[in-house]
N, C-alpha and C. Protein backbone atom coordinates (compact mmCIF):
# COMPACT_ATOMS: atom_id res chain seq x y z
N MET A 1 0.50 23.79 0.16
CA MET A 1 1.09 22.48 0.10
C MET A 1 0.38 21.58 1.10
N ILE A 2 0.12 20.36 0.66
CA ILE A 2 -0.47 19.36 1.56
C ILE A 2 0.58 18.29 1.81
N LYS A 3 0.75 17.94 3.08
CA LYS A 3 1.73 16.92 3.45
C LYS A 3 0.99 15.61 3.71
N VAL A 4 1.49 14.55 3.10
CA VAL A 4 0.89 13.22 3.23
C VAL A 4 1.97 12.28 3.76
N THR A 5 1.61 11.46 4.74
CA THR A 5 2.53 10.50 5.30
C THR A 5 2.25 9.12 4.72
N TYR A 6 3.31 8.48 4.24
CA TYR A 6 3.23 7.12 3.70
C TYR A 6 4.13 6.22 4.53
N PHE A 7 3.88 4.93 4.46
CA PHE A 7 4.68 3.95 5.18
C PHE A 7 5.19 2.91 4.19
N VAL A 8 6.50 2.60 4.30
CA VAL A 8 7.15 1.67 3.39
C VAL A 8 7.80 0.57 4.23
N VAL A 9 7.69 -0.68 3.78
CA VAL A 9 8.32 -1.81 4.45
C VAL A 9 9.72 -1.98 3.86
N GLU A 10 10.73 -2.03 4.72
CA GLU A 10 12.10 -2.24 4.28
C GLU A 10 12.67 -3.48 4.95
N ARG A 11 13.65 -4.08 4.26
CA ARG A 11 14.31 -5.27 4.79
C ARG A 11 15.81 -5.03 4.79
N PHE A 12 16.48 -5.41 5.87
CA PHE A 12 17.93 -5.34 5.93
C PHE A 12 18.47 -6.61 5.31
N ILE A 13 19.32 -6.43 4.29
CA ILE A 13 19.86 -7.58 3.56
C ILE A 13 21.35 -7.68 3.84
N PRO A 14 21.77 -8.70 4.58
CA PRO A 14 23.21 -8.88 4.82
C PRO A 14 23.90 -9.36 3.53
N ARG A 15 25.12 -8.94 3.33
CA ARG A 15 25.90 -9.32 2.16
C ARG A 15 27.04 -10.25 2.57
N PHE A 16 27.56 -11.00 1.59
CA PHE A 16 28.67 -11.91 1.87
C PHE A 16 29.95 -11.15 2.23
N GLN A 17 30.46 -10.34 1.31
CA GLN A 17 31.76 -9.72 1.48
C GLN A 17 31.69 -8.34 2.13
N ALA A 18 30.60 -7.61 1.88
CA ALA A 18 30.54 -6.22 2.32
C ALA A 18 29.49 -6.03 3.40
N GLU A 19 29.37 -4.79 3.81
CA GLU A 19 28.33 -4.43 4.77
C GLU A 19 26.96 -4.66 4.16
N GLY A 20 26.01 -4.95 4.99
CA GLY A 20 24.63 -5.07 4.51
C GLY A 20 24.02 -3.69 4.36
N LYS A 21 22.80 -3.64 3.83
CA LYS A 21 22.13 -2.35 3.69
C LYS A 21 20.62 -2.55 3.74
N TRP A 22 19.95 -1.47 4.10
CA TRP A 22 18.49 -1.47 4.13
C TRP A 22 17.99 -1.21 2.72
N GLU A 23 17.03 -2.01 2.28
CA GLU A 23 16.44 -1.83 0.97
C GLU A 23 14.93 -1.87 1.09
N SER A 24 14.30 -1.08 0.25
CA SER A 24 12.86 -1.09 0.20
C SER A 24 12.45 -2.41 -0.44
N HIS A 25 11.78 -3.24 0.31
CA HIS A 25 11.44 -4.57 -0.19
C HIS A 25 10.33 -4.52 -1.22
N PHE A 26 9.36 -3.65 -1.01
CA PHE A 26 8.28 -3.49 -1.97
C PHE A 26 8.54 -2.20 -2.73
N ASP A 27 8.89 -2.29 -3.98
CA ASP A 27 9.19 -1.08 -4.74
C ASP A 27 7.95 -0.22 -4.96
N ASN A 28 6.82 -0.83 -5.19
CA ASN A 28 5.62 -0.07 -5.53
C ASN A 28 4.58 -0.05 -4.42
N ASP A 29 4.77 -0.83 -3.38
CA ASP A 29 3.79 -0.89 -2.31
C ASP A 29 4.09 0.15 -1.24
N VAL A 30 3.27 1.17 -1.23
CA VAL A 30 3.37 2.22 -0.23
C VAL A 30 2.03 2.23 0.50
N TYR A 31 2.08 2.23 1.81
CA TYR A 31 0.86 2.11 2.60
C TYR A 31 0.49 3.45 3.21
N SER A 32 -0.80 3.72 3.26
CA SER A 32 -1.25 5.00 3.81
C SER A 32 -1.51 4.92 5.31
N SER A 33 -1.53 3.72 5.86
CA SER A 33 -1.71 3.60 7.31
C SER A 33 -0.62 2.70 7.90
N LEU A 34 -0.27 2.99 9.13
CA LEU A 34 0.75 2.21 9.82
C LEU A 34 0.28 0.77 10.02
N ALA A 35 -1.00 0.57 10.28
CA ALA A 35 -1.53 -0.78 10.50
C ALA A 35 -1.35 -1.65 9.25
N GLU A 36 -1.63 -1.08 8.06
CA GLU A 36 -1.44 -1.84 6.81
C GLU A 36 0.02 -2.20 6.61
N ALA A 37 0.91 -1.26 6.89
CA ALA A 37 2.34 -1.50 6.72
C ALA A 37 2.84 -2.56 7.69
N GLU A 38 2.37 -2.52 8.92
CA GLU A 38 2.79 -3.52 9.90
C GLU A 38 2.27 -4.91 9.54
N ALA A 39 1.07 -4.99 8.98
CA ALA A 39 0.54 -6.27 8.52
C ALA A 39 1.39 -6.82 7.37
N ALA A 40 1.78 -5.94 6.45
CA ALA A 40 2.64 -6.37 5.33
C ALA A 40 4.02 -6.78 5.84
N LEU A 41 4.54 -6.07 6.85
CA LEU A 41 5.82 -6.41 7.44
C LEU A 41 5.77 -7.81 8.06
N ALA A 42 4.72 -8.09 8.81
CA ALA A 42 4.58 -9.41 9.44
C ALA A 42 4.49 -10.51 8.39
N LYS A 43 3.76 -10.25 7.33
CA LYS A 43 3.61 -11.23 6.25
C LYS A 43 4.96 -11.50 5.57
N GLU A 44 5.71 -10.45 5.28
CA GLU A 44 7.02 -10.61 4.64
C GLU A 44 8.02 -11.30 5.55
N LYS A 45 8.00 -10.94 6.84
CA LYS A 45 8.92 -11.57 7.78
C LYS A 45 8.60 -13.07 7.89
N ASN A 46 7.32 -13.41 7.93
CA ASN A 46 6.91 -14.80 7.99
C ASN A 46 7.35 -15.55 6.71
N ARG A 47 7.18 -14.90 5.57
CA ARG A 47 7.59 -15.51 4.30
C ARG A 47 9.09 -15.76 4.27
N TRP A 48 9.88 -14.79 4.75
CA TRP A 48 11.34 -14.92 4.79
C TRP A 48 11.76 -16.04 5.75
N ASP A 49 11.14 -16.08 6.93
CA ASP A 49 11.46 -17.14 7.89
C ASP A 49 11.13 -18.52 7.33
N ASN A 50 10.00 -18.64 6.65
CA ASN A 50 9.63 -19.93 6.03
C ASN A 50 10.61 -20.31 4.93
N PHE A 51 11.05 -19.34 4.14
CA PHE A 51 12.02 -19.61 3.09
C PHE A 51 13.32 -20.14 3.68
N LEU A 52 13.82 -19.48 4.74
CA LEU A 52 15.06 -19.94 5.37
C LEU A 52 14.89 -21.31 6.00
N ALA A 53 13.72 -21.58 6.56
CA ALA A 53 13.47 -22.89 7.19
C ALA A 53 13.44 -24.02 6.16
N GLU A 54 13.02 -23.72 4.94
CA GLU A 54 12.94 -24.74 3.88
C GLU A 54 14.30 -25.08 3.28
N GLN A 55 15.31 -24.24 3.54
CA GLN A 55 16.62 -24.48 2.95
C GLN A 55 17.27 -25.69 3.59
N ASN A 56 17.93 -26.47 2.76
CA ASN A 56 18.63 -27.67 3.22
C ASN A 56 20.11 -27.48 2.87
N PRO A 57 20.83 -26.73 3.70
CA PRO A 57 22.22 -26.42 3.35
C PRO A 57 23.10 -27.66 3.35
N GLN A 58 23.96 -27.75 2.35
CA GLN A 58 24.91 -28.86 2.23
C GLN A 58 26.29 -28.33 2.60
N GLY A 59 26.80 -28.76 3.69
CA GLY A 59 28.13 -28.35 4.11
C GLY A 59 28.09 -27.31 5.21
N GLU A 60 29.25 -27.17 5.84
CA GLU A 60 29.38 -26.28 6.98
C GLU A 60 29.27 -24.80 6.58
N GLU A 61 29.87 -24.43 5.42
CA GLU A 61 29.84 -23.04 4.97
C GLU A 61 28.41 -22.61 4.64
N ALA A 62 27.63 -23.46 3.97
CA ALA A 62 26.25 -23.13 3.62
C ALA A 62 25.40 -23.02 4.88
N SER A 63 25.61 -23.90 5.83
CA SER A 63 24.86 -23.85 7.09
C SER A 63 25.17 -22.56 7.85
N ALA A 64 26.43 -22.16 7.83
CA ALA A 64 26.84 -20.92 8.50
C ALA A 64 26.20 -19.71 7.82
N HIS A 65 26.11 -19.78 6.50
CA HIS A 65 25.49 -18.67 5.76
C HIS A 65 24.00 -18.54 6.11
N ILE A 66 23.28 -19.66 6.14
CA ILE A 66 21.85 -19.63 6.50
C ILE A 66 21.68 -19.10 7.93
N ALA A 67 22.54 -19.54 8.83
CA ALA A 67 22.47 -19.07 10.22
C ALA A 67 22.74 -17.56 10.29
N ARG A 68 23.69 -17.08 9.48
CA ARG A 68 23.98 -15.64 9.45
C ARG A 68 22.78 -14.86 8.90
N LEU A 69 22.15 -15.39 7.85
CA LEU A 69 20.96 -14.73 7.30
C LEU A 69 19.85 -14.63 8.34
N LYS A 70 19.64 -15.73 9.10
CA LYS A 70 18.61 -15.71 10.15
C LYS A 70 18.94 -14.68 11.23
N ALA A 71 20.21 -14.61 11.60
CA ALA A 71 20.60 -13.73 12.70
C ALA A 71 20.62 -12.25 12.30
N GLU A 72 21.02 -11.95 11.08
CA GLU A 72 21.25 -10.56 10.70
C GLU A 72 20.11 -9.92 9.90
N SER A 73 19.19 -10.71 9.40
CA SER A 73 18.09 -10.13 8.63
C SER A 73 17.13 -9.41 9.56
N ALA A 74 16.61 -8.30 9.09
CA ALA A 74 15.68 -7.51 9.89
C ALA A 74 14.69 -6.80 8.98
N PHE A 75 13.55 -6.46 9.52
CA PHE A 75 12.52 -5.73 8.78
C PHE A 75 12.10 -4.52 9.60
N ARG A 76 11.66 -3.47 8.90
CA ARG A 76 11.18 -2.29 9.60
C ARG A 76 10.19 -1.54 8.71
N VAL A 77 9.41 -0.68 9.34
CA VAL A 77 8.49 0.20 8.64
C VAL A 77 9.08 1.60 8.71
N VAL A 78 9.20 2.26 7.54
CA VAL A 78 9.76 3.60 7.47
C VAL A 78 8.65 4.57 7.10
N GLU A 79 8.59 5.64 7.86
CA GLU A 79 7.58 6.67 7.61
C GLU A 79 8.18 7.72 6.69
N LYS A 80 7.47 8.03 5.59
CA LYS A 80 7.95 9.04 4.65
C LYS A 80 6.87 10.09 4.46
N GLU A 81 7.27 11.34 4.64
CA GLU A 81 6.32 12.44 4.47
C GLU A 81 6.62 13.13 3.14
N VAL A 82 5.58 13.32 2.34
CA VAL A 82 5.72 13.94 1.04
C VAL A 82 4.89 15.23 1.02
N GLY A 83 5.49 16.29 0.54
CA GLY A 83 4.77 17.56 0.42
C GLY A 83 4.35 17.78 -1.02
N TYR A 84 3.05 17.84 -1.25
CA TYR A 84 2.52 18.02 -2.60
C TYR A 84 2.12 19.48 -2.80
N LYS A 85 2.52 20.06 -3.94
CA LYS A 85 2.15 21.43 -4.29
C LYS A 85 1.23 21.46 -5.50
N TYR A 86 1.10 20.33 -6.17
CA TYR A 86 0.34 20.30 -7.43
C TYR A 86 -0.60 19.11 -7.46
N ALA A 87 -1.56 19.20 -8.37
CA ALA A 87 -2.50 18.10 -8.61
C ALA A 87 -2.59 17.90 -10.12
N CYS A 88 -2.89 16.69 -10.53
CA CYS A 88 -3.04 16.35 -11.95
C CYS A 88 -4.46 15.88 -12.19
N HIS A 89 -5.09 16.42 -13.21
CA HIS A 89 -6.43 15.99 -13.61
C HIS A 89 -6.26 15.01 -14.76
N TYR A 90 -6.66 13.76 -14.54
CA TYR A 90 -6.49 12.71 -15.53
C TYR A 90 -7.74 12.58 -16.38
N LYS A 91 -7.59 12.81 -17.68
CA LYS A 91 -8.69 12.72 -18.63
C LYS A 91 -8.26 11.75 -19.73
N TYR A 92 -8.84 10.59 -19.79
CA TYR A 92 -8.48 9.59 -20.80
C TYR A 92 -6.97 9.55 -20.98
N SER A 93 -6.43 10.04 -22.11
CA SER A 93 -4.98 10.01 -22.30
C SER A 93 -4.33 11.36 -22.01
N ASP A 94 -5.10 12.41 -21.81
CA ASP A 94 -4.55 13.73 -21.52
C ASP A 94 -4.51 13.97 -20.00
N VAL A 95 -3.59 14.86 -19.60
CA VAL A 95 -3.46 15.23 -18.19
C VAL A 95 -3.32 16.75 -18.12
N ASP A 96 -4.08 17.38 -17.23
CA ASP A 96 -3.99 18.82 -17.00
C ASP A 96 -3.31 19.07 -15.66
N ALA A 97 -2.47 20.11 -15.61
CA ALA A 97 -1.76 20.47 -14.38
C ALA A 97 -2.57 21.49 -13.59
N TYR A 98 -2.65 21.29 -12.28
CA TYR A 98 -3.32 22.20 -11.36
C TYR A 98 -2.35 22.51 -10.23
N GLU A 99 -2.48 23.68 -9.65
CA GLU A 99 -1.69 24.02 -8.48
C GLU A 99 -2.60 24.03 -7.25
N ILE A 100 -2.06 23.62 -6.13
CA ILE A 100 -2.83 23.63 -4.89
C ILE A 100 -2.81 25.05 -4.35
N VAL A 101 -4.00 25.62 -4.20
CA VAL A 101 -4.13 26.99 -3.75
C VAL A 101 -4.33 27.06 -2.24
N LYS A 102 -5.13 26.13 -1.71
CA LYS A 102 -5.46 26.17 -0.29
C LYS A 102 -5.74 24.75 0.21
N VAL A 103 -5.26 24.45 1.39
CA VAL A 103 -5.57 23.18 2.04
C VAL A 103 -6.67 23.46 3.05
N VAL A 104 -7.86 22.94 2.77
CA VAL A 104 -9.00 23.15 3.66
C VAL A 104 -8.93 22.17 4.82
N SER A 105 -8.65 20.91 4.52
CA SER A 105 -8.47 19.87 5.54
C SER A 105 -7.61 18.78 4.92
N ASP A 106 -7.38 17.71 5.67
CA ASP A 106 -6.58 16.62 5.10
C ASP A 106 -7.35 15.85 4.02
N LYS A 107 -8.64 16.13 3.86
CA LYS A 107 -9.45 15.45 2.85
C LYS A 107 -10.03 16.40 1.81
N THR A 108 -9.77 17.69 1.93
CA THR A 108 -10.31 18.67 0.99
C THR A 108 -9.25 19.72 0.69
N ILE A 109 -9.01 19.95 -0.61
CA ILE A 109 -8.07 20.99 -1.02
C ILE A 109 -8.68 21.78 -2.18
N GLU A 110 -8.24 23.02 -2.31
CA GLU A 110 -8.67 23.85 -3.42
C GLU A 110 -7.53 23.93 -4.42
N VAL A 111 -7.88 23.73 -5.71
CA VAL A 111 -6.88 23.73 -6.77
C VAL A 111 -7.31 24.67 -7.89
N ARG A 112 -6.33 25.11 -8.67
CA ARG A 112 -6.59 26.00 -9.80
C ARG A 112 -5.76 25.50 -10.98
N LYS A 113 -6.40 25.43 -12.16
CA LYS A 113 -5.72 24.95 -13.36
C LYS A 113 -4.60 25.90 -13.75
N MET A 114 -3.48 25.32 -14.15
CA MET A 114 -2.33 26.09 -14.61
C MET A 114 -2.38 26.19 -16.14
N ASP A 115 -1.84 27.26 -16.68
CA ASP A 115 -1.69 27.38 -18.12
C ASP A 115 -0.48 26.55 -18.53
N SER A 116 -0.63 25.72 -19.55
CA SER A 116 0.49 24.90 -20.01
C SER A 116 0.58 24.97 -21.53
N LYS A 117 1.81 25.03 -22.01
CA LYS A 117 2.07 25.05 -23.46
C LYS A 117 2.90 23.82 -23.79
N HIS A 118 2.43 23.06 -24.78
CA HIS A 118 3.09 21.82 -25.19
C HIS A 118 3.88 22.07 -26.46
N ASN A 119 5.16 21.71 -26.44
CA ASN A 119 6.03 21.91 -27.60
C ASN A 119 6.52 20.55 -28.10
N ILE A 120 6.20 20.25 -29.37
CA ILE A 120 6.66 18.99 -29.97
C ILE A 120 7.52 19.24 -31.20
N ALA A 121 8.00 20.46 -31.36
CA ALA A 121 8.80 20.81 -32.54
C ALA A 121 10.06 19.95 -32.65
N HIS A 122 10.62 19.52 -31.54
CA HIS A 122 11.84 18.72 -31.55
C HIS A 122 11.58 17.24 -31.79
N LEU A 123 10.31 16.82 -31.86
CA LEU A 123 9.97 15.41 -32.04
C LEU A 123 9.69 15.09 -33.50
N LYS A 124 9.92 13.85 -33.88
CA LYS A 124 9.67 13.37 -35.25
C LYS A 124 8.17 13.20 -35.44
N GLN A 125 7.66 13.76 -36.56
CA GLN A 125 6.22 13.68 -36.86
C GLN A 125 6.04 12.97 -38.21
N TYR A 126 5.07 12.06 -38.25
CA TYR A 126 4.81 11.27 -39.45
C TYR A 126 3.40 11.55 -39.95
N VAL A 127 3.19 11.30 -41.23
CA VAL A 127 1.86 11.38 -41.82
C VAL A 127 1.12 10.11 -41.45
N GLY A 128 -0.16 10.23 -41.10
CA GLY A 128 -0.97 9.07 -40.75
C GLY A 128 -1.93 9.40 -39.65
N GLY A 129 -2.89 8.51 -39.42
CA GLY A 129 -3.89 8.74 -38.38
C GLY A 129 -4.83 9.84 -38.79
N PHE A 130 -5.44 10.52 -37.82
CA PHE A 130 -6.37 11.60 -38.12
C PHE A 130 -5.63 12.82 -38.66
N GLY A 131 -4.56 13.20 -38.01
CA GLY A 131 -3.86 14.41 -38.43
C GLY A 131 -2.36 14.23 -38.41
N GLY A 132 -1.87 13.02 -38.25
CA GLY A 132 -0.44 12.76 -38.19
C GLY A 132 -0.11 11.94 -36.96
N HIS A 133 1.15 11.57 -36.86
CA HIS A 133 1.61 10.76 -35.73
C HIS A 133 2.89 11.39 -35.18
N VAL A 134 2.97 11.54 -33.88
CA VAL A 134 4.14 12.09 -33.21
C VAL A 134 4.86 10.95 -32.51
N ALA A 135 6.13 10.75 -32.87
CA ALA A 135 6.94 9.71 -32.24
C ALA A 135 7.48 10.22 -30.91
N ASP A 136 7.57 9.34 -29.94
CA ASP A 136 8.14 9.67 -28.62
C ASP A 136 7.47 10.88 -27.98
N GLN A 137 6.16 10.94 -28.07
CA GLN A 137 5.45 12.11 -27.57
C GLN A 137 5.55 12.27 -26.05
N ARG A 138 6.00 11.25 -25.34
CA ARG A 138 6.23 11.38 -23.89
C ARG A 138 7.37 12.36 -23.61
N ASP A 139 8.17 12.67 -24.63
CA ASP A 139 9.28 13.60 -24.47
C ASP A 139 8.91 15.03 -24.83
N GLN A 140 7.62 15.32 -24.94
CA GLN A 140 7.21 16.68 -25.28
C GLN A 140 7.66 17.63 -24.17
N LYS A 141 7.98 18.86 -24.58
CA LYS A 141 8.41 19.89 -23.62
C LYS A 141 7.18 20.70 -23.24
N VAL A 142 6.99 20.87 -21.95
CA VAL A 142 5.82 21.59 -21.45
C VAL A 142 6.29 22.71 -20.54
N THR A 143 5.72 23.90 -20.75
CA THR A 143 5.99 25.03 -19.86
C THR A 143 4.71 25.32 -19.07
N TYR A 144 4.87 25.68 -17.81
CA TYR A 144 3.74 25.90 -16.92
C TYR A 144 3.75 27.34 -16.42
N ALA A 145 2.55 27.87 -16.24
CA ALA A 145 2.42 29.22 -15.68
C ALA A 145 1.17 29.26 -14.81
N SER A 146 1.30 29.87 -13.66
CA SER A 146 0.16 30.05 -12.77
C SER A 146 -0.74 31.13 -13.36
N ASN A 147 -2.05 30.92 -13.28
CA ASN A 147 -3.01 31.89 -13.80
C ASN A 147 -4.06 32.16 -12.73
N PRO A 148 -3.95 33.30 -12.02
CA PRO A 148 -4.90 33.60 -10.95
C PRO A 148 -6.32 33.84 -11.45
N ASN A 149 -6.52 33.99 -12.75
CA ASN A 149 -7.86 34.20 -13.32
C ASN A 149 -8.63 32.90 -13.53
N ASN A 150 -7.94 31.77 -13.46
CA ASN A 150 -8.62 30.48 -13.64
C ASN A 150 -9.48 30.15 -12.42
N GLU A 151 -10.50 29.34 -12.64
CA GLU A 151 -11.45 28.98 -11.59
C GLU A 151 -10.79 28.09 -10.53
N VAL A 152 -11.12 28.34 -9.29
CA VAL A 152 -10.66 27.52 -8.17
C VAL A 152 -11.75 26.50 -7.86
N ILE A 153 -11.37 25.21 -7.80
CA ILE A 153 -12.34 24.15 -7.46
C ILE A 153 -11.85 23.40 -6.23
N ARG A 154 -12.78 22.76 -5.55
CA ARG A 154 -12.44 21.93 -4.39
C ARG A 154 -12.44 20.47 -4.80
N ILE A 155 -11.32 19.80 -4.51
CA ILE A 155 -11.29 18.36 -4.75
C ILE A 155 -11.23 17.67 -3.39
N ARG A 156 -11.82 16.49 -3.34
CA ARG A 156 -11.92 15.77 -2.07
C ARG A 156 -11.31 14.38 -2.19
N LYS A 157 -10.78 13.91 -1.08
CA LYS A 157 -10.21 12.57 -1.04
C LYS A 157 -11.33 11.55 -1.05
N LYS A 158 -11.20 10.55 -1.90
CA LYS A 158 -12.20 9.49 -2.04
C LYS A 158 -11.88 8.33 -1.10
N LYS A 159 -12.82 7.43 -0.97
CA LYS A 159 -12.62 6.27 -0.09
C LYS A 159 -11.48 5.38 -0.57
N ASN A 160 -11.24 5.35 -1.89
CA ASN A 160 -10.18 4.49 -2.43
C ASN A 160 -8.79 5.13 -2.33
N GLY A 161 -8.70 6.34 -1.76
CA GLY A 161 -7.42 7.02 -1.59
C GLY A 161 -7.11 8.02 -2.67
N GLY A 162 -7.84 7.99 -3.78
CA GLY A 162 -7.65 8.97 -4.85
C GLY A 162 -8.36 10.27 -4.52
N TRP A 163 -8.24 11.22 -5.42
CA TRP A 163 -8.86 12.53 -5.25
C TRP A 163 -9.82 12.76 -6.39
N GLY A 164 -10.90 13.53 -6.15
CA GLY A 164 -11.86 13.77 -7.22
C GLY A 164 -12.70 15.01 -7.02
N TYR A 165 -13.29 15.42 -8.13
CA TYR A 165 -14.24 16.52 -8.17
C TYR A 165 -15.32 16.09 -9.13
N LYS A 166 -16.54 15.89 -8.62
CA LYS A 166 -17.64 15.33 -9.41
C LYS A 166 -17.17 14.02 -10.02
N ASP A 167 -17.14 13.89 -11.35
CA ASP A 167 -16.68 12.64 -11.98
C ASP A 167 -15.23 12.72 -12.45
N CYS A 168 -14.51 13.74 -12.06
CA CYS A 168 -13.13 13.94 -12.51
C CYS A 168 -12.15 13.29 -11.53
N ARG A 169 -11.12 12.64 -12.09
CA ARG A 169 -10.08 11.99 -11.28
C ARG A 169 -8.87 12.89 -11.16
N PHE A 170 -8.33 13.02 -9.96
CA PHE A 170 -7.14 13.81 -9.69
C PHE A 170 -6.13 12.98 -8.94
N GLY A 171 -4.87 13.35 -9.06
CA GLY A 171 -3.80 12.77 -8.28
C GLY A 171 -2.88 13.90 -7.83
N LEU A 172 -2.22 13.72 -6.72
CA LEU A 172 -1.31 14.75 -6.21
C LEU A 172 0.08 14.54 -6.79
N SER A 173 0.83 15.64 -6.90
CA SER A 173 2.16 15.59 -7.51
C SER A 173 3.08 16.60 -6.85
N GLU A 174 4.36 16.28 -6.80
CA GLU A 174 5.35 17.21 -6.25
C GLU A 174 5.75 18.26 -7.27
N LYS A 175 5.61 17.94 -8.55
CA LYS A 175 5.95 18.87 -9.63
C LYS A 175 4.73 18.98 -10.54
N PRO A 176 4.59 20.10 -11.26
CA PRO A 176 3.47 20.19 -12.20
C PRO A 176 3.67 19.19 -13.34
N TYR A 177 2.57 18.60 -13.78
CA TYR A 177 2.65 17.63 -14.88
C TYR A 177 1.41 17.79 -15.76
N ALA A 178 1.64 17.96 -17.05
CA ALA A 178 0.57 18.01 -18.03
C ALA A 178 1.03 17.21 -19.24
N PHE A 179 0.07 16.61 -19.93
CA PHE A 179 0.39 15.81 -21.12
C PHE A 179 -0.76 15.98 -22.11
N TYR A 180 -0.39 16.19 -23.36
CA TYR A 180 -1.38 16.26 -24.42
C TYR A 180 -1.08 15.15 -25.40
N ASP A 181 -2.08 14.32 -25.70
CA ASP A 181 -1.91 13.19 -26.61
C ASP A 181 -2.12 13.68 -28.04
N PHE A 182 -1.04 13.90 -28.76
CA PHE A 182 -1.11 14.37 -30.13
C PHE A 182 -1.50 13.25 -31.10
N ASN A 183 -1.47 12.00 -30.64
CA ASN A 183 -1.79 10.87 -31.51
C ASN A 183 -3.23 10.39 -31.38
N PHE A 184 -4.05 11.14 -30.70
CA PHE A 184 -5.43 10.70 -30.50
C PHE A 184 -6.36 11.53 -31.32
């Protein structure tokens, strides 16, 4: 298993009637370095402060609400550690599942392809295309099995944050994932 630390920017959002709560402000933005996350935090805090400054509250209740938002809003960076046991090899529309066999360093890991069986018997199949069309093929059932006879390869972390082996693209995963495109 390889452990990777990510950083997420969160904002405390006060509520009118109830307690406030911390929410992840960026749903998809996860930062790999603390410096990037802190820069994003500063940018978001500045954007929020500018938004509140632009408000022109009408009445005492609205002014009190803006003042409460200024006083109670807060931002923070949360560190999240994820343990990955699997890797996915992305090939056009297909994906192969690999298991992490050995962690050589934080930038190099050894992986081995898993045996996977794809079952689409429960899905609706239509005539058409090259050999037919499978509806809702994202719902295919896949079973995984470790195979110690498969070749072990080393994948390395790339400059862009992804993983690769020669010209092959890999991504890390907490669960095994394989997909076969029956419509291609």
